Amino acid sequence: MSDPKWPWYLPGWHDDIYAIGMIGLNYCQLETAFRHLFSASTGMSGFQVEAFFQRLQNDARLKVFDQLYKA
């Protein structure tokens, strides 16, 4: 993805910076999918899920999902 209009203050690594941006974008989409899944599983509103997810780390989120699907 070489762009001839690449800013002069960011020398080199065009493709690497693009790839890091794509990884970040895909991670955000995954997090959003988990929030929707959690909201659908628990019946909580989007606001409640947002507040809840911001306080939990990923391992705790996985434990909650595990408990929800075992019940």
N, C-alpha and C. Protein backbone atom coordinates (compact mmCIF):
# COMPACT_ATOMS: atom_id res chain seq x y z
N MET A 1 0.83 -1.18 0.00
CA MET A 1 0.00 0.00 0.00
C MET A 1 0.88 1.24 0.00
N SER A 2 1.78 1.35 -0.91
CA SER A 2 2.65 2.52 -1.00
C SER A 2 1.87 3.69 -1.56
N ASP A 3 1.87 4.77 -0.84
CA ASP A 3 1.14 5.97 -1.24
C ASP A 3 2.15 7.07 -1.53
N PRO A 4 2.16 7.61 -2.73
CA PRO A 4 3.11 8.68 -3.04
C PRO A 4 2.86 9.96 -2.25
N LYS A 5 1.69 10.09 -1.65
CA LYS A 5 1.37 11.29 -0.87
C LYS A 5 1.57 11.05 0.62
N TRP A 6 2.36 10.06 0.97
CA TRP A 6 2.61 9.75 2.38
C TRP A 6 3.30 10.94 3.04
N PRO A 7 2.90 11.32 4.24
CA PRO A 7 3.49 12.50 4.90
C PRO A 7 5.01 12.36 5.07
N TRP A 8 5.70 13.42 4.89
CA TRP A 8 7.16 13.42 4.98
C TRP A 8 7.64 13.13 6.40
N TYR A 9 6.79 13.46 7.41
CA TYR A 9 7.22 13.27 8.80
C TYR A 9 7.03 11.83 9.28
N LEU A 10 6.51 10.93 8.44
CA LEU A 10 6.38 9.51 8.77
C LEU A 10 7.21 8.70 7.77
N PRO A 11 8.50 8.67 7.97
CA PRO A 11 9.33 7.98 6.99
C PRO A 11 9.18 6.46 7.08
N GLY A 12 9.09 5.81 5.95
CA GLY A 12 9.08 4.35 5.88
C GLY A 12 7.88 3.69 6.52
N TRP A 13 7.87 2.39 6.43
CA TRP A 13 6.91 1.50 7.06
C TRP A 13 5.44 1.82 6.76
N HIS A 14 5.15 2.21 5.54
CA HIS A 14 3.77 2.54 5.18
C HIS A 14 2.85 1.35 5.43
N ASP A 15 3.25 0.19 4.93
CA ASP A 15 2.42 -1.00 5.05
C ASP A 15 2.26 -1.44 6.51
N ASP A 16 3.31 -1.27 7.30
CA ASP A 16 3.24 -1.67 8.71
C ASP A 16 2.24 -0.80 9.48
N ILE A 17 2.28 0.49 9.25
CA ILE A 17 1.36 1.40 9.94
C ILE A 17 -0.07 1.12 9.49
N TYR A 18 -0.26 0.84 8.21
CA TYR A 18 -1.59 0.49 7.71
C TYR A 18 -2.08 -0.79 8.38
N ALA A 19 -1.21 -1.80 8.50
CA ALA A 19 -1.59 -3.07 9.12
C ALA A 19 -1.96 -2.89 10.59
N ILE A 20 -1.22 -2.06 11.32
CA ILE A 20 -1.55 -1.80 12.72
C ILE A 20 -2.92 -1.14 12.83
N GLY A 21 -3.22 -0.23 11.93
CA GLY A 21 -4.54 0.40 11.91
C GLY A 21 -5.65 -0.61 11.63
N MET A 22 -5.42 -1.53 10.72
CA MET A 22 -6.41 -2.55 10.41
C MET A 22 -6.62 -3.50 11.58
N ILE A 23 -5.55 -3.84 12.27
CA ILE A 23 -5.66 -4.71 13.45
C ILE A 23 -6.51 -4.01 14.52
N GLY A 24 -6.24 -2.73 14.73
CA GLY A 24 -7.02 -1.97 15.71
C GLY A 24 -8.49 -1.89 15.33
N LEU A 25 -8.77 -1.68 14.05
CA LEU A 25 -10.15 -1.61 13.57
C LEU A 25 -10.86 -2.94 13.78
N ASN A 26 -10.21 -4.03 13.43
CA ASN A 26 -10.83 -5.35 13.58
C ASN A 26 -11.04 -5.70 15.05
N TYR A 27 -10.13 -5.29 15.92
CA TYR A 27 -10.31 -5.54 17.35
C TYR A 27 -11.54 -4.78 17.88
N CYS A 28 -11.71 -3.56 17.43
CA CYS A 28 -12.88 -2.78 17.85
C CYS A 28 -14.17 -3.44 17.37
N GLN A 29 -14.16 -3.98 16.15
CA GLN A 29 -15.34 -4.68 15.65
C GLN A 29 -15.63 -5.93 16.47
N LEU A 30 -14.59 -6.65 16.89
CA LEU A 30 -14.76 -7.82 17.73
C LEU A 30 -15.35 -7.44 19.09
N GLU A 31 -14.83 -6.37 19.69
CA GLU A 31 -15.35 -5.90 20.97
C GLU A 31 -16.82 -5.52 20.84
N THR A 32 -17.19 -4.87 19.76
CA THR A 32 -18.59 -4.49 19.53
C THR A 32 -19.46 -5.72 19.38
N ALA A 33 -18.97 -6.73 18.68
CA ALA A 33 -19.73 -7.98 18.53
C ALA A 33 -19.95 -8.64 19.89
N PHE A 34 -18.93 -8.63 20.74
CA PHE A 34 -19.08 -9.20 22.08
C PHE A 34 -20.10 -8.42 22.90
N ARG A 35 -20.11 -7.11 22.76
CA ARG A 35 -21.09 -6.30 23.50
C ARG A 35 -22.51 -6.62 23.05
N HIS A 36 -22.70 -6.75 21.75
CA HIS A 36 -24.04 -7.09 21.22
C HIS A 36 -24.47 -8.48 21.68
N LEU A 37 -23.54 -9.42 21.64
CA LEU A 37 -23.83 -10.77 22.09
C LEU A 37 -24.19 -10.78 23.58
N PHE A 38 -23.45 -10.05 24.36
CA PHE A 38 -23.72 -9.97 25.79
C PHE A 38 -25.07 -9.32 26.05
N SER A 39 -25.38 -8.27 25.32
CA SER A 39 -26.66 -7.59 25.48
C SER A 39 -27.81 -8.52 25.12
N ALA A 40 -27.66 -9.27 24.04
CA ALA A 40 -28.72 -10.19 23.62
C ALA A 40 -28.86 -11.34 24.61
N SER A 41 -27.75 -11.78 25.20
CA SER A 41 -27.79 -12.91 26.13
C SER A 41 -28.38 -12.56 27.48
N THR A 42 -28.17 -11.33 27.93
CA THR A 42 -28.60 -10.94 29.27
C THR A 42 -29.86 -10.10 29.28
N GLY A 43 -30.22 -9.52 28.16
CA GLY A 43 -31.37 -8.62 28.13
C GLY A 43 -31.05 -7.23 28.65
N MET A 44 -29.78 -6.96 28.87
CA MET A 44 -29.36 -5.64 29.34
C MET A 44 -29.38 -4.65 28.18
N SER A 45 -29.57 -3.38 28.50
CA SER A 45 -29.55 -2.35 27.46
C SER A 45 -28.11 -2.08 27.02
N GLY A 46 -27.98 -1.39 25.92
CA GLY A 46 -26.65 -1.05 25.41
C GLY A 46 -25.86 -0.20 26.40
N PHE A 47 -26.53 0.72 27.09
CA PHE A 47 -25.85 1.56 28.07
C PHE A 47 -25.34 0.74 29.25
N GLN A 48 -26.15 -0.21 29.69
CA GLN A 48 -25.73 -1.06 30.80
C GLN A 48 -24.54 -1.92 30.41
N VAL A 49 -24.58 -2.46 29.21
CA VAL A 49 -23.48 -3.31 28.75
C VAL A 49 -22.20 -2.49 28.61
N GLU A 50 -22.31 -1.29 28.09
CA GLU A 50 -21.13 -0.42 27.98
C GLU A 50 -20.49 -0.18 29.34
N ALA A 51 -21.30 0.15 30.32
CA ALA A 51 -20.77 0.42 31.66
C ALA A 51 -20.16 -0.83 32.27
N PHE A 52 -20.79 -1.97 32.04
CA PHE A 52 -20.31 -3.23 32.59
C PHE A 52 -19.01 -3.66 31.92
N PHE A 53 -18.95 -3.59 30.60
CA PHE A 53 -17.77 -4.06 29.87
C PHE A 53 -16.54 -3.21 30.13
N GLN A 54 -16.73 -1.94 30.37
CA GLN A 54 -15.58 -1.08 30.62
C GLN A 54 -14.89 -1.41 31.93
N ARG A 55 -15.60 -2.04 32.84
CA ARG A 55 -15.03 -2.37 34.15
C ARG A 55 -14.41 -3.75 34.21
N LEU A 56 -14.64 -4.57 33.18
CA LEU A 56 -14.13 -5.94 33.18
C LEU A 56 -12.97 -6.11 32.22
N GLN A 57 -12.02 -6.93 32.63
CA GLN A 57 -10.95 -7.30 31.71
C GLN A 57 -11.41 -8.50 30.89
N ASN A 58 -10.68 -8.83 29.84
CA ASN A 58 -11.10 -9.87 28.92
C ASN A 58 -11.30 -11.22 29.58
N ASP A 59 -10.44 -11.59 30.51
CA ASP A 59 -10.60 -12.90 31.15
C ASP A 59 -11.89 -12.96 31.97
N ALA A 60 -12.24 -11.86 32.62
CA ALA A 60 -13.49 -11.82 33.38
C ALA A 60 -14.70 -11.85 32.45
N ARG A 61 -14.60 -11.20 31.30
CA ARG A 61 -15.68 -11.25 30.32
C ARG A 61 -15.92 -12.67 29.84
N LEU A 62 -14.83 -13.39 29.58
CA LEU A 62 -14.95 -14.77 29.13
C LEU A 62 -15.60 -15.64 30.20
N LYS A 63 -15.27 -15.41 31.46
CA LYS A 63 -15.88 -16.18 32.55
C LYS A 63 -17.38 -15.90 32.63
N VAL A 64 -17.77 -14.63 32.43
CA VAL A 64 -19.19 -14.29 32.45
C VAL A 64 -19.92 -14.97 31.30
N PHE A 65 -19.33 -14.95 30.09
CA PHE A 65 -19.94 -15.62 28.95
C PHE A 65 -20.05 -17.13 29.21
N ASP A 66 -19.03 -17.69 29.80
CA ASP A 66 -19.03 -19.12 30.11
C ASP A 66 -20.17 -19.46 31.07
N GLN A 67 -20.36 -18.66 32.10
CA GLN A 67 -21.44 -18.88 33.06
C GLN A 67 -22.81 -18.68 32.42
N LEU A 68 -22.91 -17.71 31.52
CA LEU A 68 -24.20 -17.48 30.86
C LEU A 68 -24.61 -18.67 30.00
N TYR A 69 -23.66 -19.25 29.31
CA TYR A 69 -24.01 -20.34 28.40
C TYR A 69 -24.09 -21.70 29.08
N LYS A 70 -23.57 -21.80 30.28
CA LYS A 70 -23.73 -23.04 31.05
C LYS A 70 -25.08 -23.08 31.76
N ALA A 71 -25.65 -21.90 31.99
CA ALA A 71 -26.93 -21.82 32.71
C ALA A 71 -28.10 -22.22 31.84
